[in-house]
C-alpha atoms as a PDB file:
ATOM      1  CA  MET A   1       9.680 -32.764   2.141  1.00  0.00           C
ATOM      2  CA  ILE A   2      10.404 -30.115  -0.552  1.00  0.00           C
ATOM      3  CA  ASN A   3      10.948 -31.573  -4.191  1.00  0.00           C
ATOM      4  CA  PRO A   4      12.500 -29.402  -5.829  1.00  0.00           C
ATOM      5  CA  ASP A   5      12.171 -30.609  -9.368  1.00  0.00           C
ATOM      6  CA  ASP A   6       8.647 -29.809  -8.660  1.00  0.00           C
ATOM      7  CA  TYR A   7       9.900 -26.146  -9.263  1.00  0.00           C
ATOM      8  CA  GLU A   8      11.461 -26.879 -12.849  1.00  0.00           C
ATOM      9  CA  GLY A   9      11.191 -23.638 -15.041  1.00  0.00           C
ATOM     10  CA  HIS A  10      10.137 -21.244 -12.476  1.00  0.00           C
ATOM     11  CA  THR A  11      11.030 -17.206 -13.039  1.00  0.00           C
ATOM     12  CA  PRO A  12      15.029 -17.478 -12.947  1.00  0.00           C
ATOM     13  CA  ARG A  13      16.288 -14.655 -10.148  1.00  0.00           C
ATOM     14  CA  PRO A  14      16.674 -12.207  -9.395  1.00  0.00           C
ATOM     15  CA  TRP A  15      12.907 -11.687  -7.337  1.00  0.00           C
ATOM     16  CA  THR A  16      13.252  -8.045  -5.748  1.00  0.00           C
ATOM     17  CA  LEU A  17      11.074  -6.408  -3.184  1.00  0.00           C
ATOM     18  CA  GLU A  18      10.032  -3.400  -3.559  1.00  0.00           C
ATOM     19  CA  GLU A  19       7.661  -1.292  -1.388  1.00  0.00           C
ATOM     20  CA  ARG A  20       4.978   1.309  -3.060  1.00  0.00           C
ATOM     21  CA  GLU A  21       3.210   4.461  -2.290  1.00  0.00           C
ATOM     22  CA  ASP A  22       0.321   5.876  -3.861  1.00  0.00           C
ATOM     23  CA  ASP A  23      -0.351   9.682  -3.655  1.00  0.00           C
ATOM     24  CA  GLU A  24      -3.281   9.084  -0.755  1.00  0.00           C
ATOM     25  CA  GLY A  25      -0.299   7.020   1.399  1.00  0.00           C
ATOM     26  CA  HIS A  26      -2.016   3.669   0.882  1.00  0.00           C
ATOM     27  CA  GLN A  27       1.286   1.486   0.971  1.00  0.00           C
ATOM     28  CA  TRP A  28       1.651  -2.004  -0.986  1.00  0.00           C
ATOM     29  CA  PHE A  29       5.134  -4.600  -1.463  1.00  0.00           C
ATOM     30  CA  GLU A  30       5.345  -5.768  -4.614  1.00  0.00           C
ATOM     31  CA  VAL A  31       7.439  -8.547  -6.210  1.00  0.00           C
ATOM     32  CA  PRO A  32       7.197  -8.400  -9.466  1.00  0.00           C
ATOM     33  CA  ALA A  33       8.756 -10.893 -10.603  1.00  0.00           C
ATOM     34  CA  VAL A  34       5.646 -13.190 -10.271  1.00  0.00           C
ATOM     35  CA  SER A  35       3.578 -10.964 -10.506  1.00  0.00           C
ATOM     36  CA  TYR A  36       2.314 -10.614  -6.574  1.00  0.00           C
ATOM     37  CA  THR A  37       1.384  -7.805  -4.745  1.00  0.00           C
ATOM     38  CA  THR A  38      -0.267  -7.074  -1.652  1.00  0.00           C
ATOM     39  CA  LYS A  39      -1.362  -4.375   0.175  1.00  0.00           C
ATOM     40  CA  LEU A  40      -0.307  -3.185   3.658  1.00  0.00           C
ATOM     41  CA  SER A  41      -2.496  -3.530   6.816  1.00  0.00           C
ATOM     42  CA  GLY A  42      -1.136  -0.095   7.877  1.00  0.00           C
ATOM     43  CA  ASP A  43       0.169  -1.704  10.541  1.00  0.00           C
ATOM     44  CA  GLY A  44       3.497  -2.007   9.549  1.00  0.00           C
ATOM     45  CA  SER A  45       3.083  -5.393  10.904  1.00  0.00           C
ATOM     46  CA  GLN A  46       6.296  -7.468  10.593  1.00  0.00           C
ATOM     47  CA  GLN A  47       4.869 -10.399   9.343  1.00  0.00           C
ATOM     48  CA  GLU A  48       3.560  -8.915   6.008  1.00  0.00           C
ATOM     49  CA  PHE A  49       7.250  -7.171   5.742  1.00  0.00           C
ATOM     50  CA  ALA A  50       8.688 -11.440   6.654  1.00  0.00           C
ATOM     51  CA  ASP A  51       5.863 -12.792   3.799  1.00  0.00           C
ATOM     52  CA  VAL A  52       7.152 -10.971   1.087  1.00  0.00           C
ATOM     53  CA  ASN A  53      10.803 -11.058   2.058  1.00  0.00           C
ATOM     54  CA  LEU A  54      10.399 -14.692   2.281  1.00  0.00           C
ATOM     55  CA  ILE A  55       8.270 -15.377  -1.212  1.00  0.00           C
ATOM     56  CA  ALA A  56      11.366 -12.756  -2.976  1.00  0.00           C
ATOM     57  CA  ASP A  57      14.275 -15.381  -1.366  1.00  0.00           C
ATOM     58  CA  ALA A  58      12.183 -18.367  -2.730  1.00  0.00           C
ATOM     59  CA  PRO A  59      14.806 -18.918  -5.204  1.00  0.00           C
ATOM     60  CA  LEU A  60      17.348 -18.432  -3.376  1.00  0.00           C
ATOM     61  CA  LEU A  61      16.248 -20.907  -0.959  1.00  0.00           C
ATOM     62  CA  LEU A  62      15.153 -23.169  -3.618  1.00  0.00           C
ATOM     63  CA  GLU A  63      19.214 -23.199  -4.447  1.00  0.00           C
ATOM     64  CA  GLU A  64      19.690 -24.099  -0.480  1.00  0.00           C
ATOM     65  CA  VAL A  65      17.443 -27.395  -0.413  1.00  0.00           C
ATOM     66  CA  LYS A  66      19.036 -28.096  -3.601  1.00  0.00           C
ATOM     67  CA  ARG A  67      22.535 -28.121  -2.322  1.00  0.00           C
ATOM     68  CA  ALA A  68      21.843 -29.471   0.883  1.00  0.00           C
ATOM     69  CA  ARG A  69      20.393 -32.499  -0.575  1.00  0.00           C
ATOM     70  CA  GLU A  70      23.962 -32.931  -2.998  1.00  0.00           C
ATOM     71  CA  ILE A  71      25.551 -32.976   0.705  1.00  0.00           C
ATOM     72  CA  VAL A  72      23.239 -35.763   1.936  1.00  0.00           C
END
């Protein structure tokens, strides 16, 4: 079970997802708020995009968990 207290003091939102490409065509994703960077495998994997979106949305997901706990 997720314990929201474990995340107290996290970097505040918004966390943004930035797609980058260098002059040689190498591509990667960055989530600057948490210094997270991952290179794209080159196959355009939906999983890679989903993973970095999940990381970028973490603060919003945490807010939803807190709201759900208040309802229950």
